[in-house]
């Protein structure tokens, strides 16, 4: 009887461990689905800042909208498990000067900070502008000599179209923020601040969230494919 009881207890313990193991495995699968960007690191670069407002219409400044879109993107990325850093988190540029602003110094410090994070991806957020008020549409740029950057840009451009409706295509460029950094990155022109319709959308926090979701979807699709 004692032996039988011992064997039964042993079977019970084994079954218990098996149940725990299965439960843990299912939990990990669920977590990986809920956090598709877990263990992924992203650095977000809100373009311009400080004395460099970027493009503007009246008192609507690109630098401020870039920062708001970047914060929405940061929140969405983190909700999917990613680790996120930003080149700037306030209205100042990288030099943090109130006078004698230097774009060259700003870009040097921006690139240096991006590389210090050693992130998987770089997303630089900007807005476009044109003399013709009818110009519109989001567009994603990549460093012209980067195949990985090109593929990432293609995926993000495709997913963003679902919100922006843009017919523009990705484009290779020689922007220093992409060329001088070691991180696979893209520069996203989220729309034209000079276009009245897009300008209205780009001031909306709900639109910022929509853009953030689609940018993240693009990153996920890139990772699934490559």
C-alpha atoms as a PDB file:
ATOM      1  CA  UNK A   1       0.000   0.000   0.000  1.00  0.00           C
ATOM      2  CA  UNK A   2       2.822   2.356   0.871  1.00  0.00           C
ATOM      3  CA  UNK A   3       4.512   1.608  -2.451  1.00  0.00           C
ATOM      4  CA  UNK A   4       1.241   2.133  -4.302  1.00  0.00           C
ATOM      5  CA  UNK A   5       0.649   5.434  -2.530  1.00  0.00           C
ATOM      6  CA  UNK A   6       4.203   6.504  -3.330  1.00  0.00           C
ATOM      7  CA  UNK A   7       3.745   5.662  -7.004  1.00  0.00           C
ATOM      8  CA  UNK A   8       0.457   7.559  -7.100  1.00  0.00           C
ATOM      9  CA  UNK A   9       2.110  10.564  -5.501  1.00  0.00           C
ATOM     10  CA  UNK A  10       4.924  10.342  -8.044  1.00  0.00           C
ATOM     11  CA  UNK A  11       2.432  10.244 -10.912  1.00  0.00           C
ATOM     12  CA  UNK A  12       0.595  13.212  -9.424  1.00  0.00           C
ATOM     13  CA  UNK A  13       3.815  15.243  -9.180  1.00  0.00           C
ATOM     14  CA  UNK A  14       4.759  14.340 -12.749  1.00  0.00           C
ATOM     15  CA  UNK A  15       1.336  15.370 -14.030  1.00  0.00           C
ATOM     16  CA  UNK A  16       1.532  18.591 -12.053  1.00  0.00           C
ATOM     17  CA  UNK A  17       4.928  19.449 -13.521  1.00  0.00           C
ATOM     18  CA  UNK A  18       3.658  18.600 -16.990  1.00  0.00           C
ATOM     19  CA  UNK A  19       0.643  20.877 -16.566  1.00  0.00           C
ATOM     20  CA  UNK A  20       2.880  23.677 -15.301  1.00  0.00           C
ATOM     21  CA  UNK A  21       5.279  23.213 -18.239  1.00  0.00           C
ATOM     22  CA  UNK A  22       2.455  23.249 -20.797  1.00  0.00           C
ATOM     23  CA  UNK A  23       0.866  26.301 -19.165  1.00  0.00           C
ATOM     24  CA  UNK A  24       4.200  28.117 -19.174  1.00  0.00           C
ATOM     25  CA  UNK A  25       4.770  27.279 -22.842  1.00  0.00           C
ATOM     26  CA  UNK A  26       1.305  28.500 -23.812  1.00  0.00           C
ATOM     27  CA  UNK A  27       1.891  31.667 -21.806  1.00  0.00           C
ATOM     28  CA  UNK A  28       5.151  32.337 -23.610  1.00  0.00           C
ATOM     29  CA  UNK A  29       3.461  31.838 -26.981  1.00  0.00           C
ATOM     30  CA  UNK A  30       0.682  34.235 -25.982  1.00  0.00           C
ATOM     31  CA  UNK A  31       3.196  36.814 -24.771  1.00  0.00           C
ATOM     32  CA  UNK A  32       5.204  36.569 -27.992  1.00  0.00           C
ATOM     33  CA  UNK A  33       2.020  37.192 -29.985  1.00  0.00           C
ATOM     34  CA  UNK A  34       1.015  40.116 -27.782  1.00  0.00           C
ATOM     35  CA  UNK A  35       4.568  41.528 -27.842  1.00  0.00           C
ATOM     36  CA  UNK A  36       5.717  40.983 -31.436  1.00  0.00           C
ATOM     37  CA  UNK A  37       8.583  43.465 -31.050  1.00  0.00           C
ATOM     38  CA  UNK A  38       9.949  42.063 -27.812  1.00  0.00           C
ATOM     39  CA  UNK A  39      13.773  42.228 -27.714  1.00  0.00           C
ATOM     40  CA  UNK A  40      13.729  44.790 -30.545  1.00  0.00           C
ATOM     41  CA  UNK A  41      15.332  48.181 -29.943  1.00  0.00           C
ATOM     42  CA  UNK A  42      14.393  51.331 -31.836  1.00  0.00           C
ATOM     43  CA  UNK A  43      15.761  54.859 -31.702  1.00  0.00           C
ATOM     44  CA  UNK A  44      13.343  57.585 -32.772  1.00  0.00           C
ATOM     45  CA  UNK A  45      14.724  60.852 -34.119  1.00  0.00           C
ATOM     46  CA  UNK A  46      12.185  63.718 -34.008  1.00  0.00           C
ATOM     47  CA  UNK A  47      13.592  66.013 -36.690  1.00  0.00           C
ATOM     48  CA  UNK A  48      14.659  69.604 -36.000  1.00  0.00           C
ATOM     49  CA  UNK A  49      13.983  71.312 -32.657  1.00  0.00           C
ATOM     50  CA  UNK A  50      15.044  74.391 -30.718  1.00  0.00           C
ATOM     51  CA  UNK A  51      16.017  77.299 -32.963  1.00  0.00           C
ATOM     52  CA  UNK A  52      15.477  75.030 -35.970  1.00  0.00           C
ATOM     53  CA  UNK A  53      11.719  74.827 -36.416  1.00  0.00           C
ATOM     54  CA  UNK A  54      11.887  73.028 -39.730  1.00  0.00           C
ATOM     55  CA  UNK A  55       8.971  73.771 -42.037  1.00  0.00           C
ATOM     56  CA  UNK A  56       6.170  75.960 -40.736  1.00  0.00           C
ATOM     57  CA  UNK A  57       2.874  77.600 -41.571  1.00  0.00           C
ATOM     58  CA  UNK A  58       2.062  80.515 -39.304  1.00  0.00           C
ATOM     59  CA  UNK A  59       2.685  79.293 -35.771  1.00  0.00           C
ATOM     60  CA  UNK A  60       2.434  75.618 -36.723  1.00  0.00           C
ATOM     61  CA  UNK A  61       5.956  74.231 -36.584  1.00  0.00           C
ATOM     62  CA  UNK A  62       7.270  70.983 -37.985  1.00  0.00           C
ATOM     63  CA  UNK A  63       9.611  70.474 -35.023  1.00  0.00           C
ATOM     64  CA  UNK A  64       6.705  70.426 -32.556  1.00  0.00           C
ATOM     65  CA  UNK A  65       4.588  68.068 -34.636  1.00  0.00           C
ATOM     66  CA  UNK A  66       7.575  65.776 -35.212  1.00  0.00           C
ATOM     67  CA  UNK A  67       7.953  65.439 -31.459  1.00  0.00           C
ATOM     68  CA  UNK A  68       4.260  64.677 -30.916  1.00  0.00           C
ATOM     69  CA  UNK A  69       4.247  62.023 -33.636  1.00  0.00           C
ATOM     70  CA  UNK A  70       7.439  60.553 -32.177  1.00  0.00           C
ATOM     71  CA  UNK A  71       5.894  60.227 -28.725  1.00  0.00           C
ATOM     72  CA  UNK A  72       2.869  58.451 -30.232  1.00  0.00           C
ATOM     73  CA  UNK A  73       5.273  56.122 -32.055  1.00  0.00           C
ATOM     74  CA  UNK A  74       7.251  55.502 -28.862  1.00  0.00           C
ATOM     75  CA  UNK A  75       4.089  54.531 -26.999  1.00  0.00           C
ATOM     76  CA  UNK A  76       2.975  52.148 -29.753  1.00  0.00           C
ATOM     77  CA  UNK A  77       6.387  50.522 -30.051  1.00  0.00           C
ATOM     78  CA  UNK A  78       6.595  49.977 -26.304  1.00  0.00           C
ATOM     79  CA  UNK A  79       3.095  48.476 -26.264  1.00  0.00           C
ATOM     80  CA  UNK A  80       4.457  45.836 -28.665  1.00  0.00           C
ATOM     81  CA  UNK A  81       7.443  45.090 -26.456  1.00  0.00           C
ATOM     82  CA  UNK A  82      10.151  47.208 -28.090  1.00  0.00           C
ATOM     83  CA  UNK A  83      12.825  49.142 -26.209  1.00  0.00           C
ATOM     84  CA  UNK A  84      12.723  52.761 -27.365  1.00  0.00           C
ATOM     85  CA  UNK A  85      15.098  55.713 -27.098  1.00  0.00           C
ATOM     86  CA  UNK A  86      14.763  59.199 -28.581  1.00  0.00           C
ATOM     87  CA  UNK A  87      17.352  61.679 -29.782  1.00  0.00           C
ATOM     88  CA  UNK A  88      15.372  64.513 -28.230  1.00  0.00           C
ATOM     89  CA  UNK A  89      12.482  64.518 -25.779  1.00  0.00           C
ATOM     90  CA  UNK A  90      11.712  68.241 -25.632  1.00  0.00           C
ATOM     91  CA  UNK A  91      11.621  71.276 -27.913  1.00  0.00           C
ATOM     92  CA  UNK A  92      15.389  71.849 -27.843  1.00  0.00           C
ATOM     93  CA  UNK A  93      17.740  70.871 -30.628  1.00  0.00           C
ATOM     94  CA  UNK A  94      20.718  68.636 -29.941  1.00  0.00           C
ATOM     95  CA  UNK A  95      23.077  71.546 -29.213  1.00  0.00           C
ATOM     96  CA  UNK A  96      20.636  72.962 -26.642  1.00  0.00           C
ATOM     97  CA  UNK A  97      21.785  76.459 -27.528  1.00  0.00           C
ATOM     98  CA  UNK A  98      19.629  79.549 -27.391  1.00  0.00           C
ATOM     99  CA  UNK A  99      21.867  81.338 -29.895  1.00  0.00           C
ATOM    100  CA  UNK A 100      24.507  80.630 -32.530  1.00  0.00           C
ATOM    101  CA  UNK A 101      22.654  77.528 -33.686  1.00  0.00           C
ATOM    102  CA  UNK A 102      24.701  75.281 -35.966  1.00  0.00           C
ATOM    103  CA  UNK A 103      22.993  72.646 -38.125  1.00  0.00           C
ATOM    104  CA  UNK A 104      26.334  70.906 -38.541  1.00  0.00           C
ATOM    105  CA  UNK A 105      26.804  70.633 -34.775  1.00  0.00           C
ATOM    106  CA  UNK A 106      23.226  69.492 -34.326  1.00  0.00           C
ATOM    107  CA  UNK A 107      23.611  66.692 -36.877  1.00  0.00           C
ATOM    108  CA  UNK A 108      26.970  65.619 -35.445  1.00  0.00           C
ATOM    109  CA  UNK A 109      25.462  65.262 -31.969  1.00  0.00           C
ATOM    110  CA  UNK A 110      22.315  63.632 -33.354  1.00  0.00           C
ATOM    111  CA  UNK A 111      24.274  60.936 -35.195  1.00  0.00           C
ATOM    112  CA  UNK A 112      26.544  60.386 -32.194  1.00  0.00           C
ATOM    113  CA  UNK A 113      23.554  59.862 -29.922  1.00  0.00           C
ATOM    114  CA  UNK A 114      21.843  57.495 -32.348  1.00  0.00           C
ATOM    115  CA  UNK A 115      24.932  55.296 -32.561  1.00  0.00           C
ATOM    116  CA  UNK A 116      25.368  55.308 -28.779  1.00  0.00           C
ATOM    117  CA  UNK A 117      22.083  53.378 -28.402  1.00  0.00           C
ATOM    118  CA  UNK A 118      23.208  50.564 -30.730  1.00  0.00           C
ATOM    119  CA  UNK A 119      19.574  50.025 -31.703  1.00  0.00           C
ATOM    120  CA  UNK A 120      18.187  47.638 -34.298  1.00  0.00           C
ATOM    121  CA  UNK A 121      16.338  50.368 -36.172  1.00  0.00           C
ATOM    122  CA  UNK A 122      16.297  54.142 -36.594  1.00  0.00           C
ATOM    123  CA  UNK A 123      13.090  56.000 -37.420  1.00  0.00           C
ATOM    124  CA  UNK A 124      13.595  59.702 -38.166  1.00  0.00           C
ATOM    125  CA  UNK A 125      10.315  61.639 -38.164  1.00  0.00           C
ATOM    126  CA  UNK A 126       9.806  64.697 -40.380  1.00  0.00           C
ATOM    127  CA  UNK A 127       7.148  66.651 -42.255  1.00  0.00           C
ATOM    128  CA  UNK A 128       7.419  67.842 -45.839  1.00  0.00           C
ATOM    129  CA  UNK A 129       6.703  71.234 -47.379  1.00  0.00           C
ATOM    130  CA  UNK A 130       6.400  72.610 -50.910  1.00  0.00           C
ATOM    131  CA  UNK A 131       5.698  75.965 -52.591  1.00  0.00           C
ATOM    132  CA  UNK A 132       2.675  74.387 -54.268  1.00  0.00           C
ATOM    133  CA  UNK A 133      -0.018  73.937 -51.625  1.00  0.00           C
ATOM    134  CA  UNK A 134      -1.483  71.020 -53.562  1.00  0.00           C
ATOM    135  CA  UNK A 135       1.520  68.774 -52.892  1.00  0.00           C
ATOM    136  CA  UNK A 136       0.642  66.007 -50.453  1.00  0.00           C
ATOM    137  CA  UNK A 137       1.438  62.470 -49.329  1.00  0.00           C
ATOM    138  CA  UNK A 138       3.703  60.633 -46.943  1.00  0.00           C
ATOM    139  CA  UNK A 139       7.010  59.284 -48.220  1.00  0.00           C
ATOM    140  CA  UNK A 140       9.711  57.075 -46.725  1.00  0.00           C
ATOM    141  CA  UNK A 141      13.397  57.593 -47.511  1.00  0.00           C
ATOM    142  CA  UNK A 142      16.340  55.243 -47.012  1.00  0.00           C
ATOM    143  CA  UNK A 143      20.090  55.652 -47.387  1.00  0.00           C
ATOM    144  CA  UNK A 144      20.740  55.047 -51.062  1.00  0.00           C
ATOM    145  CA  UNK A 145      23.416  52.394 -50.441  1.00  0.00           C
ATOM    146  CA  UNK A 146      21.514  50.397 -47.841  1.00  0.00           C
ATOM    147  CA  UNK A 147      19.591  47.338 -49.049  1.00  0.00           C
ATOM    148  CA  UNK A 148      18.208  46.710 -45.563  1.00  0.00           C
ATOM    149  CA  UNK A 149      17.109  50.324 -45.309  1.00  0.00           C
ATOM    150  CA  UNK A 150      15.395  50.046 -48.690  1.00  0.00           C
ATOM    151  CA  UNK A 151      13.464  46.951 -47.646  1.00  0.00           C
ATOM    152  CA  UNK A 152      12.438  48.529 -44.340  1.00  0.00           C
ATOM    153  CA  UNK A 153      11.326  51.696 -46.137  1.00  0.00           C
ATOM    154  CA  UNK A 154       9.254  49.654 -48.591  1.00  0.00           C
ATOM    155  CA  UNK A 155       7.353  47.847 -45.837  1.00  0.00           C
ATOM    156  CA  UNK A 156       6.658  51.030 -43.880  1.00  0.00           C
ATOM    157  CA  UNK A 157       5.587  52.960 -46.985  1.00  0.00           C
ATOM    158  CA  UNK A 158       3.133  50.175 -47.859  1.00  0.00           C
ATOM    159  CA  UNK A 159       1.519  50.039 -44.421  1.00  0.00           C
ATOM    160  CA  UNK A 160       1.380  53.833 -44.073  1.00  0.00           C
ATOM    161  CA  UNK A 161      -0.549  54.105 -47.343  1.00  0.00           C
ATOM    162  CA  UNK A 162      -3.478  52.477 -45.570  1.00  0.00           C
ATOM    163  CA  UNK A 163      -3.819  55.678 -43.534  1.00  0.00           C
ATOM    164  CA  UNK A 164      -2.278  58.428 -45.656  1.00  0.00           C
ATOM    165  CA  UNK A 165      -3.451  57.235 -49.066  1.00  0.00           C
ATOM    166  CA  UNK A 166      -0.129  58.398 -50.492  1.00  0.00           C
ATOM    167  CA  UNK A 167       0.805  57.332 -54.022  1.00  0.00           C
ATOM    168  CA  UNK A 168       4.441  58.284 -53.513  1.00  0.00           C
ATOM    169  CA  UNK A 169       7.188  55.699 -53.711  1.00  0.00           C
ATOM    170  CA  UNK A 170      10.143  55.156 -51.423  1.00  0.00           C
ATOM    171  CA  UNK A 171      13.283  57.006 -52.401  1.00  0.00           C
ATOM    172  CA  UNK A 172      17.010  56.582 -51.833  1.00  0.00           C
ATOM    173  CA  UNK A 173      18.674  59.633 -50.316  1.00  0.00           C
ATOM    174  CA  UNK A 174      21.926  60.850 -48.815  1.00  0.00           C
ATOM    175  CA  UNK A 175      20.565  62.402 -45.616  1.00  0.00           C
ATOM    176  CA  UNK A 176      23.328  62.529 -43.033  1.00  0.00           C
ATOM    177  CA  UNK A 177      21.123  61.063 -40.316  1.00  0.00           C
ATOM    178  CA  UNK A 178      20.867  57.901 -42.452  1.00  0.00           C
ATOM    179  CA  UNK A 179      24.274  57.905 -44.102  1.00  0.00           C
ATOM    180  CA  UNK A 180      26.460  58.564 -41.057  1.00  0.00           C
ATOM    181  CA  UNK A 181      24.779  56.219 -38.576  1.00  0.00           C
ATOM    182  CA  UNK A 182      25.444  52.508 -38.163  1.00  0.00           C
ATOM    183  CA  UNK A 183      21.781  51.646 -37.582  1.00  0.00           C
ATOM    184  CA  UNK A 184      19.372  50.373 -40.235  1.00  0.00           C
ATOM    185  CA  UNK A 185      17.114  53.357 -40.626  1.00  0.00           C
ATOM    186  CA  UNK A 186      14.547  55.324 -42.557  1.00  0.00           C
ATOM    187  CA  UNK A 187      13.454  58.937 -42.651  1.00  0.00           C
ATOM    188  CA  UNK A 188       9.680  59.365 -42.824  1.00  0.00           C
ATOM    189  CA  UNK A 189       8.037  62.481 -44.230  1.00  0.00           C
ATOM    190  CA  UNK A 190       4.627  61.972 -42.619  1.00  0.00           C
ATOM    191  CA  UNK A 191       2.866  64.480 -44.862  1.00  0.00           C
ATOM    192  CA  UNK A 192       3.000  68.043 -46.164  1.00  0.00           C
ATOM    193  CA  UNK A 193       2.590  70.777 -43.598  1.00  0.00           C
ATOM    194  CA  UNK A 194       2.075  73.143 -46.564  1.00  0.00           C
ATOM    195  CA  UNK A 195      -1.082  71.259 -47.595  1.00  0.00           C
ATOM    196  CA  UNK A 196      -4.147  72.508 -45.705  1.00  0.00           C
ATOM    197  CA  UNK A 197      -5.841  69.112 -45.510  1.00  0.00           C
ATOM    198  CA  UNK A 198      -2.755  67.222 -44.350  1.00  0.00           C
ATOM    199  CA  UNK A 199      -1.823  70.058 -42.002  1.00  0.00           C
ATOM    200  CA  UNK A 200      -5.158  69.593 -40.254  1.00  0.00           C
ATOM    201  CA  UNK A 201      -4.609  65.839 -39.956  1.00  0.00           C
ATOM    202  CA  UNK A 202      -1.033  66.237 -38.748  1.00  0.00           C
ATOM    203  CA  UNK A 203      -2.211  68.348 -35.810  1.00  0.00           C
ATOM    204  CA  UNK A 204      -4.512  65.570 -34.586  1.00  0.00           C
ATOM    205  CA  UNK A 205      -3.357  63.241 -31.807  1.00  0.00           C
ATOM    206  CA  UNK A 206      -5.665  60.542 -33.207  1.00  0.00           C
ATOM    207  CA  UNK A 207      -3.890  60.815 -36.547  1.00  0.00           C
ATOM    208  CA  UNK A 208      -0.533  60.587 -34.794  1.00  0.00           C
ATOM    209  CA  UNK A 209      -1.692  57.310 -33.275  1.00  0.00           C
ATOM    210  CA  UNK A 210      -2.812  55.981 -36.657  1.00  0.00           C
ATOM    211  CA  UNK A 211       0.567  56.817 -38.161  1.00  0.00           C
ATOM    212  CA  UNK A 212       2.333  55.159 -35.228  1.00  0.00           C
ATOM    213  CA  UNK A 213       0.341  51.941 -35.648  1.00  0.00           C
ATOM    214  CA  UNK A 214       1.154  51.698 -39.347  1.00  0.00           C
ATOM    215  CA  UNK A 215       4.846  52.456 -38.874  1.00  0.00           C
ATOM    216  CA  UNK A 216       5.002  49.656 -36.291  1.00  0.00           C
ATOM    217  CA  UNK A 217       3.103  47.342 -38.632  1.00  0.00           C
ATOM    218  CA  UNK A 218       5.731  48.063 -41.275  1.00  0.00           C
ATOM    219  CA  UNK A 219       8.558  47.180 -38.907  1.00  0.00           C
ATOM    220  CA  UNK A 220       6.796  43.932 -38.009  1.00  0.00           C
ATOM    221  CA  UNK A 221       6.322  42.993 -41.666  1.00  0.00           C
ATOM    222  CA  UNK A 222       9.980  43.711 -42.361  1.00  0.00           C
ATOM    223  CA  UNK A 223      11.015  41.406 -39.531  1.00  0.00           C
ATOM    224  CA  UNK A 224       8.642  38.669 -40.702  1.00  0.00           C
ATOM    225  CA  UNK A 225      10.110  38.747 -44.205  1.00  0.00           C
ATOM    226  CA  UNK A 226      13.773  39.393 -43.542  1.00  0.00           C
END
